[in-house]
Amino acid sequence: MSYTPAELRNLRTLSTGACCDLKIQRNAERVWLCCRGGVTLERKTRSGKWYVSEGGCHPPIALAV
């Protein structure tokens, strides 16, 4: 599924980071909406570490998650 920053703004915030709001969390994926309008997708490695796999704090991309 693909989300735009506008769609993510309407979702409940699960957690707040330094400048981003966590909008979606699944087993091995997190989707963050940045205050600057960007979208970040994090994925979890098998060892349990999170890393940014797509996006970032700057717009204007929509991510397929």
Protein backbone atom coordinates (compact mmCIF):
# COMPACT_ATOMS: atom_id res chain seq x y z
CA MET A 1 0.00 0.00 0.00
CA SER A 2 1.20 3.51 -0.73
CA TYR A 3 0.82 6.45 1.66
CA THR A 4 1.23 10.16 1.00
CA PRO A 5 2.20 12.64 3.73
CA ALA A 6 -1.37 14.01 3.68
CA GLU A 7 -2.83 10.54 4.30
CA LEU A 8 -0.40 9.84 7.14
CA ARG A 9 -1.31 13.12 8.88
CA ASN A 10 -4.83 11.77 9.36
CA LEU A 11 -3.60 8.62 11.14
CA ARG A 12 -3.16 8.38 14.90
CA THR A 13 0.38 9.08 16.13
CA LEU A 14 1.78 6.01 17.88
CA SER A 15 4.99 7.64 19.10
CA THR A 16 6.99 10.83 18.59
CA GLY A 17 10.70 10.95 17.76
CA ALA A 18 13.10 13.88 17.45
CA CYS A 19 11.21 15.43 14.52
CA CYS A 20 8.96 12.65 13.26
CA ASP A 21 5.70 10.99 14.26
CA LEU A 22 5.37 7.22 14.05
CA LYS A 23 2.16 6.54 12.16
CA ILE A 24 2.34 2.83 11.26
CA GLN A 25 4.14 -0.01 13.01
CA ARG A 26 4.05 -3.62 11.91
CA ASN A 27 6.28 -6.53 12.92
CA ALA A 28 9.29 -5.45 10.88
CA GLU A 29 8.23 -2.07 9.44
CA ARG A 30 7.70 1.44 10.72
CA VAL A 31 6.39 4.44 8.80
CA TRP A 32 7.28 7.90 10.13
CA LEU A 33 5.90 11.29 9.08
CA CYS A 34 8.43 14.09 9.49
CA CYS A 35 7.47 17.62 10.55
CA ARG A 36 9.14 18.78 7.31
CA GLY A 37 6.66 16.72 5.26
CA GLY A 38 8.80 13.72 4.40
CA VAL A 39 8.01 10.07 4.94
CA THR A 40 10.52 7.51 6.23
CA LEU A 41 10.21 3.74 6.07
CA GLU A 42 12.26 1.76 8.58
CA ARG A 43 12.77 -1.97 8.46
CA LYS A 44 14.05 -4.35 11.11
CA THR A 45 16.96 -6.70 10.49
CA ARG A 46 16.93 -10.30 11.65
CA SER A 47 19.16 -9.25 14.53
CA GLY A 48 16.50 -6.75 15.65
CA LYS A 49 18.13 -3.48 14.56
CA TRP A 50 16.06 -0.83 12.76
CA TYR A 51 17.40 0.93 9.64
CA VAL A 52 16.01 3.49 7.18
CA SER A 53 15.21 1.63 3.98
CA GLU A 54 13.41 4.39 2.06
CA GLY A 55 12.56 8.06 2.24
CA GLY A 56 13.68 10.66 4.70
CA CYS A 57 12.66 13.92 6.30
CA HIS A 58 12.29 15.80 3.06
CA PRO A 59 9.21 15.51 0.80
CA PRO A 60 7.72 14.66 -1.65
CA ILE A 61 7.67 10.88 -1.96
CA ALA A 62 4.97 8.36 -1.19
CA LEU A 63 6.16 4.99 0.06
CA ALA A 64 4.74 1.60 -0.78
CA VAL A 65 4.41 -0.32 2.47
